[in-house]
Amino acid sequence: QRALAQAKEGRMHILGKMLQTISAPREHLSEHAPKIITFSINPEKIGEVVGPRGKMINKIIAETGVKVDIEDDGRVYIATADEEAAKKAKGMIEAIAKDIEVGEVYMGTVVRIMPFGAFVELLPGKDGMVHISKLAHERVAKVEDVVNIGDEILVKVIEIDEKGRVNLTRKDLLPKEKKEN
């Protein structure tokens, strides 16, 4: 009994000293305190987020300076003291884990040009192809007459075929030109 009473007296003394120092928790964490963001992605997309030999996840870590852990059930933990870096990393991971859907419009980057069309990166690691006939309203002789590698273009997903290939159009998003009579 006496030992418990002494322990309680000691605890109360320590708590009293703590209360004198800080009576309530601070409203904001220190900017140096590590922050952990937790969110979930589709577990089937974990492989895409990690990438071959960790290429995608290592790129995200290198660009943002965060620590990333992904659980088998799709839970993602991002740890860093920099809140902006955490938001950027979360956005990059969500973009990779996102599904491309027919009818959606993307701002993509032309990554490869072939005689029959241009390949456009819609999301990190996800490309689609704009056929030469879908680049402009008028007939296009050469793909390079309309777009070049590195160009940012607005495209719409018109089909995802049975092999998972994404077909895009650019001309459906261009204003229709009125013919002069």
N, C-alpha and C. Protein backbone atom coordinates (compact mmCIF):
# COMPACT_ATOMS: atom_id res chain seq x y z
N GLN A 1 0.83 -1.19 0.00
CA GLN A 1 0.00 0.00 0.00
C GLN A 1 0.87 1.25 0.00
N ARG A 2 1.88 1.22 0.91
CA ARG A 2 2.74 2.39 1.05
C ARG A 2 3.52 2.66 -0.24
N ALA A 3 3.97 1.58 -0.90
CA ALA A 3 4.73 1.72 -2.16
C ALA A 3 3.85 2.34 -3.25
N LEU A 4 2.60 1.90 -3.32
CA LEU A 4 1.68 2.46 -4.32
C LEU A 4 1.40 3.93 -4.05
N ALA A 5 1.26 4.28 -2.78
CA ALA A 5 1.01 5.67 -2.41
C ALA A 5 2.21 6.54 -2.78
N GLN A 6 3.43 6.03 -2.55
CA GLN A 6 4.63 6.78 -2.90
C GLN A 6 4.73 6.95 -4.42
N ALA A 7 4.42 5.89 -5.16
CA ALA A 7 4.48 5.95 -6.64
C ALA A 7 3.48 6.99 -7.16
N LYS A 8 2.27 7.00 -6.55
CA LYS A 8 1.25 7.97 -6.98
C LYS A 8 1.72 9.39 -6.67
N GLU A 9 2.30 9.59 -5.52
CA GLU A 9 2.80 10.91 -5.14
C GLU A 9 3.89 11.37 -6.11
N GLY A 10 4.76 10.47 -6.49
CA GLY A 10 5.83 10.77 -7.45
C GLY A 10 5.26 11.13 -8.82
N ARG A 11 4.29 10.34 -9.28
CA ARG A 11 3.63 10.62 -10.58
C ARG A 11 2.97 11.99 -10.57
N MET A 12 2.26 12.29 -9.50
CA MET A 12 1.56 13.57 -9.40
C MET A 12 2.55 14.74 -9.40
N HIS A 13 3.70 14.55 -8.75
CA HIS A 13 4.73 15.58 -8.73
C HIS A 13 5.25 15.84 -10.16
N ILE A 14 5.54 14.75 -10.88
CA ILE A 14 6.04 14.88 -12.27
C ILE A 14 4.98 15.52 -13.16
N LEU A 15 3.74 15.08 -13.05
CA LEU A 15 2.66 15.66 -13.86
C LEU A 15 2.47 17.14 -13.54
N GLY A 16 2.63 17.52 -12.28
CA GLY A 16 2.51 18.93 -11.88
C GLY A 16 3.59 19.76 -12.54
N LYS A 17 4.83 19.26 -12.56
CA LYS A 17 5.93 19.97 -13.21
C LYS A 17 5.69 20.08 -14.72
N MET A 18 5.17 19.00 -15.34
CA MET A 18 4.87 19.02 -16.78
C MET A 18 3.80 20.07 -17.08
N LEU A 19 2.80 20.14 -16.22
CA LEU A 19 1.70 21.08 -16.41
C LEU A 19 2.18 22.52 -16.32
N GLN A 20 3.15 22.79 -15.45
CA GLN A 20 3.71 24.14 -15.33
C GLN A 20 4.44 24.52 -16.62
N THR A 21 5.11 23.55 -17.21
CA THR A 21 5.89 23.81 -18.43
C THR A 21 4.99 24.03 -19.64
N ILE A 22 4.04 23.11 -19.83
CA ILE A 22 3.12 23.24 -20.97
C ILE A 22 1.77 22.67 -20.55
N SER A 23 0.76 23.55 -20.51
CA SER A 23 -0.53 23.13 -19.99
C SER A 23 -1.42 22.47 -21.04
N ALA A 24 -1.15 22.72 -22.31
CA ALA A 24 -1.95 22.13 -23.39
C ALA A 24 -1.02 21.78 -24.54
N PRO A 25 -1.41 20.82 -25.37
CA PRO A 25 -0.57 20.50 -26.53
C PRO A 25 -0.47 21.69 -27.47
N ARG A 26 0.64 21.80 -28.17
CA ARG A 26 0.79 22.89 -29.14
C ARG A 26 -0.22 22.70 -30.27
N GLU A 27 -0.66 23.82 -30.84
CA GLU A 27 -1.63 23.75 -31.93
C GLU A 27 -1.02 23.18 -33.20
N HIS A 28 0.25 23.48 -33.45
CA HIS A 28 0.92 23.01 -34.66
C HIS A 28 2.17 22.23 -34.29
N LEU A 29 2.42 21.19 -35.03
CA LEU A 29 3.66 20.43 -34.83
C LEU A 29 4.84 21.27 -35.31
N SER A 30 5.98 20.98 -34.77
CA SER A 30 7.19 21.64 -35.24
C SER A 30 7.39 21.30 -36.71
N GLU A 31 7.95 22.25 -37.46
CA GLU A 31 8.17 21.97 -38.88
C GLU A 31 9.21 20.87 -39.06
N HIS A 32 9.97 20.57 -38.01
CA HIS A 32 10.99 19.52 -38.09
C HIS A 32 10.46 18.16 -37.65
N ALA A 33 9.25 18.14 -37.09
CA ALA A 33 8.67 16.87 -36.64
C ALA A 33 8.29 16.03 -37.85
N PRO A 34 8.63 14.74 -37.85
CA PRO A 34 8.25 13.90 -38.99
C PRO A 34 6.74 13.75 -39.08
N LYS A 35 6.25 13.75 -40.29
CA LYS A 35 4.82 13.58 -40.53
C LYS A 35 4.64 12.30 -41.35
N ILE A 36 3.58 11.59 -41.06
CA ILE A 36 3.29 10.36 -41.80
C ILE A 36 1.91 10.49 -42.42
N ILE A 37 1.86 10.35 -43.74
CA ILE A 37 0.60 10.35 -44.47
C ILE A 37 0.27 8.89 -44.78
N THR A 38 -0.96 8.50 -44.53
CA THR A 38 -1.40 7.14 -44.81
C THR A 38 -2.59 7.21 -45.76
N PHE A 39 -2.54 6.40 -46.81
CA PHE A 39 -3.67 6.28 -47.73
C PHE A 39 -3.62 4.90 -48.37
N SER A 40 -4.64 4.57 -49.13
CA SER A 40 -4.70 3.23 -49.73
C SER A 40 -4.76 3.32 -51.25
N ILE A 41 -4.17 2.31 -51.88
CA ILE A 41 -4.28 2.15 -53.32
C ILE A 41 -4.78 0.73 -53.58
N ASN A 42 -5.20 0.47 -54.79
CA ASN A 42 -5.62 -0.87 -55.18
C ASN A 42 -4.42 -1.81 -55.06
N PRO A 43 -4.53 -2.89 -54.29
CA PRO A 43 -3.39 -3.81 -54.12
C PRO A 43 -2.87 -4.36 -55.46
N GLU A 44 -3.72 -4.44 -56.47
CA GLU A 44 -3.28 -4.92 -57.78
C GLU A 44 -2.31 -3.94 -58.46
N LYS A 45 -2.27 -2.69 -57.98
CA LYS A 45 -1.43 -1.65 -58.58
C LYS A 45 -0.07 -1.50 -57.88
N ILE A 46 0.16 -2.29 -56.82
CA ILE A 46 1.42 -2.16 -56.08
C ILE A 46 2.61 -2.38 -56.99
N GLY A 47 2.54 -3.40 -57.85
CA GLY A 47 3.64 -3.69 -58.77
C GLY A 47 3.95 -2.52 -59.69
N GLU A 48 2.91 -1.82 -60.16
CA GLU A 48 3.12 -0.66 -61.03
C GLU A 48 3.76 0.49 -60.26
N VAL A 49 3.36 0.68 -58.99
CA VAL A 49 3.92 1.76 -58.19
C VAL A 49 5.40 1.48 -57.90
N VAL A 50 5.72 0.23 -57.57
CA VAL A 50 7.11 -0.13 -57.28
C VAL A 50 7.94 -0.11 -58.57
N GLY A 51 7.38 -0.67 -59.65
CA GLY A 51 8.08 -0.69 -60.93
C GLY A 51 9.10 -1.80 -61.00
N PRO A 52 9.64 -2.04 -62.21
CA PRO A 52 10.64 -3.10 -62.36
C PRO A 52 11.90 -2.76 -61.54
N ARG A 53 12.31 -3.70 -60.69
CA ARG A 53 13.48 -3.52 -59.81
C ARG A 53 13.39 -2.23 -58.98
N GLY A 54 12.16 -1.81 -58.64
CA GLY A 54 11.97 -0.64 -57.78
C GLY A 54 12.18 0.70 -58.46
N LYS A 55 12.18 0.70 -59.80
CA LYS A 55 12.48 1.91 -60.56
C LYS A 55 11.52 3.06 -60.24
N MET A 56 10.21 2.81 -60.26
CA MET A 56 9.23 3.89 -60.06
C MET A 56 9.28 4.43 -58.63
N ILE A 57 9.29 3.55 -57.64
CA ILE A 57 9.27 4.00 -56.24
C ILE A 57 10.57 4.72 -55.92
N ASN A 58 11.69 4.24 -56.45
CA ASN A 58 12.98 4.91 -56.20
C ASN A 58 13.02 6.29 -56.85
N LYS A 59 12.37 6.44 -58.00
CA LYS A 59 12.29 7.75 -58.66
C LYS A 59 11.50 8.73 -57.78
N ILE A 60 10.39 8.26 -57.22
CA ILE A 60 9.56 9.10 -56.35
C ILE A 60 10.36 9.52 -55.11
N ILE A 61 11.08 8.56 -54.51
CA ILE A 61 11.88 8.84 -53.32
C ILE A 61 12.99 9.85 -53.65
N ALA A 62 13.65 9.65 -54.81
CA ALA A 62 14.74 10.55 -55.20
C ALA A 62 14.22 11.97 -55.47
N GLU A 63 13.06 12.08 -56.11
CA GLU A 63 12.51 13.40 -56.46
C GLU A 63 11.97 14.16 -55.25
N THR A 64 11.44 13.43 -54.27
CA THR A 64 10.76 14.10 -53.15
C THR A 64 11.52 14.03 -51.83
N GLY A 65 12.41 13.06 -51.67
CA GLY A 65 13.16 12.91 -50.43
C GLY A 65 12.36 12.31 -49.29
N VAL A 66 11.27 11.61 -49.60
CA VAL A 66 10.43 11.01 -48.56
C VAL A 66 10.81 9.54 -48.36
N LYS A 67 10.27 8.94 -47.31
CA LYS A 67 10.41 7.50 -47.09
C LYS A 67 9.03 6.90 -47.38
N VAL A 68 8.99 5.85 -48.20
CA VAL A 68 7.72 5.25 -48.59
C VAL A 68 7.70 3.77 -48.20
N ASP A 69 6.62 3.35 -47.56
CA ASP A 69 6.39 1.93 -47.26
C ASP A 69 5.03 1.56 -47.83
N ILE A 70 4.96 0.42 -48.51
CA ILE A 70 3.69 -0.05 -49.07
C ILE A 70 3.43 -1.45 -48.52
N GLU A 71 2.26 -1.61 -47.90
CA GLU A 71 1.86 -2.90 -47.34
C GLU A 71 1.20 -3.74 -48.44
N ASP A 72 1.13 -5.05 -48.22
CA ASP A 72 0.52 -5.96 -49.21
C ASP A 72 -0.96 -5.68 -49.45
N ASP A 73 -1.64 -5.06 -48.46
CA ASP A 73 -3.07 -4.78 -48.63
C ASP A 73 -3.33 -3.44 -49.34
N GLY A 74 -2.26 -2.75 -49.77
CA GLY A 74 -2.41 -1.51 -50.52
C GLY A 74 -2.27 -0.25 -49.68
N ARG A 75 -2.05 -0.40 -48.36
CA ARG A 75 -1.83 0.78 -47.53
C ARG A 75 -0.45 1.36 -47.81
N VAL A 76 -0.41 2.67 -48.01
CA VAL A 76 0.84 3.36 -48.31
C VAL A 76 1.14 4.33 -47.18
N TYR A 77 2.39 4.30 -46.69
CA TYR A 77 2.84 5.22 -45.64
C TYR A 77 3.95 6.08 -46.22
N ILE A 78 3.79 7.39 -46.12
CA ILE A 78 4.81 8.33 -46.57
C ILE A 78 5.27 9.10 -45.34
N ALA A 79 6.58 9.03 -45.03
CA ALA A 79 7.13 9.71 -43.87
C ALA A 79 8.15 10.75 -44.30
N THR A 80 8.01 11.96 -43.77
CA THR A 80 8.94 13.05 -44.06
C THR A 80 8.65 14.22 -43.12
N ALA A 81 9.62 15.11 -42.98
CA ALA A 81 9.39 16.32 -42.20
C ALA A 81 8.81 17.42 -43.10
N ASP A 82 8.91 17.25 -44.43
CA ASP A 82 8.47 18.25 -45.41
C ASP A 82 7.08 17.90 -45.94
N GLU A 83 6.08 18.68 -45.50
CA GLU A 83 4.69 18.38 -45.88
C GLU A 83 4.46 18.49 -47.39
N GLU A 84 5.10 19.46 -48.03
CA GLU A 84 4.95 19.61 -49.49
C GLU A 84 5.50 18.40 -50.23
N ALA A 85 6.64 17.89 -49.77
CA ALA A 85 7.24 16.70 -50.40
C ALA A 85 6.30 15.50 -50.24
N ALA A 86 5.66 15.39 -49.07
CA ALA A 86 4.73 14.29 -48.83
C ALA A 86 3.54 14.37 -49.79
N LYS A 87 3.01 15.59 -49.98
CA LYS A 87 1.87 15.77 -50.90
C LYS A 87 2.27 15.43 -52.33
N LYS A 88 3.47 15.86 -52.73
CA LYS A 88 3.95 15.57 -54.08
C LYS A 88 4.10 14.06 -54.29
N ALA A 89 4.70 13.38 -53.31
CA ALA A 89 4.89 11.93 -53.41
C ALA A 89 3.53 11.21 -53.47
N LYS A 90 2.58 11.67 -52.65
CA LYS A 90 1.25 11.05 -52.66
C LYS A 90 0.60 11.22 -54.04
N GLY A 91 0.71 12.41 -54.60
CA GLY A 91 0.14 12.67 -55.93
C GLY A 91 0.78 11.78 -57.00
N MET A 92 2.10 11.60 -56.91
CA MET A 92 2.80 10.75 -57.89
C MET A 92 2.35 9.29 -57.77
N ILE A 93 2.21 8.81 -56.54
CA ILE A 93 1.79 7.42 -56.32
C ILE A 93 0.35 7.23 -56.79
N GLU A 94 -0.53 8.19 -56.46
CA GLU A 94 -1.93 8.08 -56.89
C GLU A 94 -2.05 8.11 -58.42
N ALA A 95 -1.20 8.91 -59.07
CA ALA A 95 -1.23 8.98 -60.54
C ALA A 95 -0.85 7.64 -61.15
N ILE A 96 0.15 6.98 -60.58
CA ILE A 96 0.58 5.67 -61.09
C ILE A 96 -0.51 4.63 -60.85
N ALA A 97 -1.16 4.68 -59.70
CA ALA A 97 -2.15 3.67 -59.33
C ALA A 97 -3.51 3.91 -59.99
N LYS A 98 -3.68 5.07 -60.61
CA LYS A 98 -4.97 5.42 -61.23
C LYS A 98 -5.20 4.61 -62.50
N ASP A 99 -6.44 4.24 -62.72
CA ASP A 99 -6.81 3.54 -63.95
C ASP A 99 -7.17 4.55 -65.03
N ILE A 100 -6.76 4.25 -66.24
CA ILE A 100 -7.16 5.07 -67.39
C ILE A 100 -8.53 4.59 -67.83
N GLU A 101 -9.45 5.54 -68.07
CA GLU A 101 -10.82 5.18 -68.44
C GLU A 101 -11.22 5.83 -69.75
N VAL A 102 -12.02 5.10 -70.52
CA VAL A 102 -12.53 5.61 -71.80
C VAL A 102 -13.36 6.86 -71.53
N GLY A 103 -13.13 7.90 -72.36
CA GLY A 103 -13.87 9.15 -72.23
C GLY A 103 -13.13 10.21 -71.43
N GLU A 104 -12.11 9.81 -70.68
CA GLU A 104 -11.35 10.79 -69.89
C GLU A 104 -10.41 11.58 -70.78
N VAL A 105 -10.16 12.83 -70.37
CA VAL A 105 -9.25 13.72 -71.09
C VAL A 105 -7.99 13.90 -70.25
N TYR A 106 -6.84 13.81 -70.89
CA TYR A 106 -5.55 13.93 -70.21
C TYR A 106 -4.67 14.95 -70.92
N MET A 107 -3.82 15.63 -70.14
CA MET A 107 -2.73 16.42 -70.70
C MET A 107 -1.55 15.47 -70.69
N GLY A 108 -1.12 15.06 -71.88
CA GLY A 108 -0.04 14.08 -71.97
C GLY A 108 1.17 14.64 -72.69
N THR A 109 2.25 13.89 -72.62
CA THR A 109 3.51 14.28 -73.26
C THR A 109 3.83 13.29 -74.37
N VAL A 110 4.13 13.83 -75.56
CA VAL A 110 4.51 12.97 -76.69
C VAL A 110 5.87 12.37 -76.36
N VAL A 111 5.93 11.02 -76.34
CA VAL A 111 7.17 10.34 -75.98
C VAL A 111 7.82 9.60 -77.14
N ARG A 112 7.02 9.29 -78.18
CA ARG A 112 7.57 8.57 -79.33
C ARG A 112 6.71 8.86 -80.55
N ILE A 113 7.38 8.98 -81.69
CA ILE A 113 6.66 9.23 -82.94
C ILE A 113 6.96 8.11 -83.92
N MET A 114 5.91 7.60 -84.54
CA MET A 114 6.02 6.55 -85.55
C MET A 114 5.34 7.09 -86.81
N PRO A 115 5.58 6.47 -87.97
CA PRO A 115 4.94 6.96 -89.20
C PRO A 115 3.40 6.95 -89.13
N PHE A 116 2.82 6.08 -88.30
CA PHE A 116 1.36 5.93 -88.22
C PHE A 116 0.72 6.70 -87.08
N GLY A 117 1.53 7.34 -86.20
CA GLY A 117 0.94 8.08 -85.09
C GLY A 117 1.95 8.45 -84.03
N ALA A 118 1.45 8.98 -82.91
CA ALA A 118 2.31 9.44 -81.82
C ALA A 118 1.91 8.73 -80.52
N PHE A 119 2.92 8.32 -79.75
CA PHE A 119 2.68 7.73 -78.44
C PHE A 119 2.76 8.83 -77.40
N VAL A 120 1.75 8.87 -76.54
CA VAL A 120 1.62 9.95 -75.55
C VAL A 120 1.57 9.32 -74.16
N GLU A 121 2.44 9.81 -73.26
CA GLU A 121 2.41 9.35 -71.88
C GLU A 121 1.30 10.11 -71.15
N LEU A 122 0.29 9.36 -70.67
CA LEU A 122 -0.87 9.95 -70.00
C LEU A 122 -0.60 10.10 -68.50
N LEU A 123 -0.09 9.04 -67.91
CA LEU A 123 0.26 8.98 -66.49
C LEU A 123 1.63 8.33 -66.43
N PRO A 124 2.35 8.47 -65.35
CA PRO A 124 3.68 7.85 -65.29
C PRO A 124 3.64 6.36 -65.64
N GLY A 125 4.38 5.99 -66.69
CA GLY A 125 4.43 4.59 -67.11
C GLY A 125 3.24 4.12 -67.90
N LYS A 126 2.31 5.01 -68.26
CA LYS A 126 1.11 4.61 -69.00
C LYS A 126 0.99 5.46 -70.27
N ASP A 127 1.16 4.79 -71.41
CA ASP A 127 1.11 5.46 -72.70
C ASP A 127 -0.13 5.07 -73.47
N GLY A 128 -0.49 5.94 -74.41
CA GLY A 128 -1.54 5.65 -75.36
C GLY A 128 -1.06 6.11 -76.73
N MET A 129 -1.79 5.71 -77.77
CA MET A 129 -1.38 6.08 -79.12
C MET A 129 -2.46 6.89 -79.82
N VAL A 130 -2.02 8.01 -80.41
CA VAL A 130 -2.92 8.82 -81.24
C VAL A 130 -2.59 8.46 -82.69
N HIS A 131 -3.53 7.85 -83.39
CA HIS A 131 -3.31 7.52 -84.80
C HIS A 131 -3.20 8.81 -85.60
N ILE A 132 -2.44 8.78 -86.67
CA ILE A 132 -2.23 9.97 -87.51
C ILE A 132 -3.55 10.59 -87.96
N SER A 133 -4.57 9.75 -88.17
CA SER A 133 -5.88 10.26 -88.61
C SER A 133 -6.64 10.96 -87.48
N LYS A 134 -6.19 10.81 -86.24
CA LYS A 134 -6.87 11.41 -85.09
C LYS A 134 -6.12 12.62 -84.52
N LEU A 135 -5.08 13.09 -85.25
CA LEU A 135 -4.29 14.21 -84.77
C LEU A 135 -4.93 15.57 -85.06
N ALA A 136 -5.57 15.69 -86.23
CA ALA A 136 -6.14 16.98 -86.63
C ALA A 136 -7.33 16.74 -87.55
N HIS A 137 -8.16 17.77 -87.73
CA HIS A 137 -9.33 17.65 -88.60
C HIS A 137 -8.90 17.47 -90.06
N GLU A 138 -7.86 18.23 -90.45
CA GLU A 138 -7.39 18.12 -91.83
C GLU A 138 -6.47 16.90 -91.97
N ARG A 139 -6.24 16.48 -93.20
CA ARG A 139 -5.38 15.32 -93.44
C ARG A 139 -3.95 15.68 -93.06
N VAL A 140 -3.29 14.75 -92.35
CA VAL A 140 -1.92 14.96 -91.90
C VAL A 140 -1.00 14.05 -92.70
N ALA A 141 0.01 14.64 -93.36
CA ALA A 141 0.95 13.86 -94.15
C ALA A 141 2.01 13.21 -93.25
N LYS A 142 2.55 13.99 -92.32
CA LYS A 142 3.58 13.48 -91.40
C LYS A 142 3.18 13.86 -89.98
N VAL A 143 3.36 12.93 -89.07
CA VAL A 143 3.03 13.17 -87.66
C VAL A 143 3.78 14.41 -87.15
N GLU A 144 5.05 14.56 -87.56
CA GLU A 144 5.88 15.68 -87.10
C GLU A 144 5.35 17.04 -87.55
N ASP A 145 4.44 17.07 -88.52
CA ASP A 145 3.83 18.34 -88.94
C ASP A 145 2.90 18.88 -87.84
N VAL A 146 2.44 18.01 -86.97
CA VAL A 146 1.48 18.39 -85.93
C VAL A 146 2.10 18.38 -84.53
N VAL A 147 2.83 17.30 -84.20
CA VAL A 147 3.42 17.17 -82.86
C VAL A 147 4.87 16.69 -82.95
N ASN A 148 5.63 17.00 -81.90
CA ASN A 148 7.00 16.54 -81.78
C ASN A 148 7.22 15.93 -80.41
N ILE A 149 8.27 15.14 -80.25
CA ILE A 149 8.58 14.53 -78.96
C ILE A 149 8.77 15.64 -77.93
N GLY A 150 8.14 15.45 -76.77
CA GLY A 150 8.24 16.43 -75.69
C GLY A 150 7.06 17.39 -75.65
N ASP A 151 6.27 17.46 -76.73
CA ASP A 151 5.10 18.35 -76.75
C ASP A 151 4.06 17.87 -75.73
N GLU A 152 3.43 18.84 -75.05
CA GLU A 152 2.32 18.54 -74.15
C GLU A 152 1.04 18.74 -74.97
N ILE A 153 0.23 17.69 -75.08
CA ILE A 153 -1.00 17.81 -75.86
C ILE A 153 -2.19 17.26 -75.06
N LEU A 154 -3.35 17.82 -75.35
CA LEU A 154 -4.59 17.38 -74.74
C LEU A 154 -5.15 16.24 -75.58
N VAL A 155 -5.42 15.10 -74.94
CA VAL A 155 -5.94 13.93 -75.67
C VAL A 155 -7.11 13.33 -74.90
N LYS A 156 -7.95 12.61 -75.62
CA LYS A 156 -9.10 11.93 -75.02
C LYS A 156 -8.97 10.44 -75.31
N VAL A 157 -9.27 9.61 -74.31
CA VAL A 157 -9.24 8.16 -74.48
C VAL A 157 -10.51 7.73 -75.21
N ILE A 158 -10.33 7.10 -76.38
CA ILE A 158 -11.51 6.66 -77.14
C ILE A 158 -11.73 5.15 -77.06
N GLU A 159 -10.67 4.41 -76.70
CA GLU A 159 -10.82 2.95 -76.62
C GLU A 159 -9.65 2.36 -75.87
N ILE A 160 -9.93 1.30 -75.13
CA ILE A 160 -8.89 0.45 -74.56
C ILE A 160 -9.20 -0.94 -75.11
N ASP A 161 -8.33 -1.44 -76.01
CA ASP A 161 -8.65 -2.70 -76.68
C ASP A 161 -8.41 -3.91 -75.77
N GLU A 162 -8.72 -5.11 -76.30
CA GLU A 162 -8.63 -6.32 -75.49
C GLU A 162 -7.20 -6.63 -75.03
N LYS A 163 -6.21 -6.06 -75.69
CA LYS A 163 -4.82 -6.25 -75.29
C LYS A 163 -4.36 -5.18 -74.30
N GLY A 164 -5.27 -4.27 -73.93
CA GLY A 164 -4.94 -3.21 -72.97
C GLY A 164 -4.31 -1.98 -73.60
N ARG A 165 -4.26 -1.95 -74.94
CA ARG A 165 -3.68 -0.78 -75.61
C ARG A 165 -4.68 0.37 -75.56
N VAL A 166 -4.15 1.57 -75.29
CA VAL A 166 -4.99 2.76 -75.14
C VAL A 166 -4.96 3.56 -76.44
N ASN A 167 -6.14 3.74 -77.04
CA ASN A 167 -6.24 4.54 -78.27
C ASN A 167 -6.79 5.91 -77.92
N LEU A 168 -6.14 6.93 -78.50
CA LEU A 168 -6.45 8.32 -78.14
C LEU A 168 -6.85 9.12 -79.37
N THR A 169 -7.48 10.26 -79.13
CA THR A 169 -7.77 11.21 -80.20
C THR A 169 -7.36 12.60 -79.71
N ARG A 170 -6.88 13.39 -80.62
CA ARG A 170 -6.59 14.80 -80.34
C ARG A 170 -7.63 15.66 -81.04
N LYS A 171 -8.04 15.22 -82.24
CA LYS A 171 -8.91 16.08 -83.05
C LYS A 171 -10.30 16.29 -82.45
N ASP A 172 -10.79 15.33 -81.66
CA ASP A 172 -12.11 15.49 -81.03
C ASP A 172 -12.12 16.64 -80.02
N LEU A 173 -10.94 17.06 -79.56
CA LEU A 173 -10.85 18.14 -78.59
C LEU A 173 -10.53 19.48 -79.23
N LEU A 174 -10.25 19.47 -80.54
CA LEU A 174 -9.95 20.71 -81.26
C LEU A 174 -11.24 21.37 -81.72
N PRO A 175 -11.27 22.71 -81.76
CA PRO A 175 -12.48 23.37 -82.27
C PRO A 175 -12.65 23.03 -83.76
N LYS A 176 -13.89 22.82 -84.15
CA LYS A 176 -14.17 22.52 -85.56
C LYS A 176 -13.97 23.80 -86.38
N GLU A 177 -13.23 23.65 -87.46
CA GLU A 177 -12.97 24.82 -88.31
C GLU A 177 -14.13 24.99 -89.28
N LYS A 178 -14.61 26.24 -89.38
CA LYS A 178 -15.72 26.53 -90.30
C LYS A 178 -15.16 26.74 -91.70
N LYS A 179 -15.80 26.07 -92.67
CA LYS A 179 -15.35 26.22 -94.06
C LYS A 179 -15.92 27.48 -94.65
N GLU A 180 -15.05 28.24 -95.31
CA GLU A 180 -15.50 29.48 -95.95
C GLU A 180 -16.06 29.17 -97.33
N ASN A 181 -17.20 29.79 -97.67
CA ASN A 181 -17.82 29.54 -98.99
C ASN A 181 -17.55 30.69 -99.90
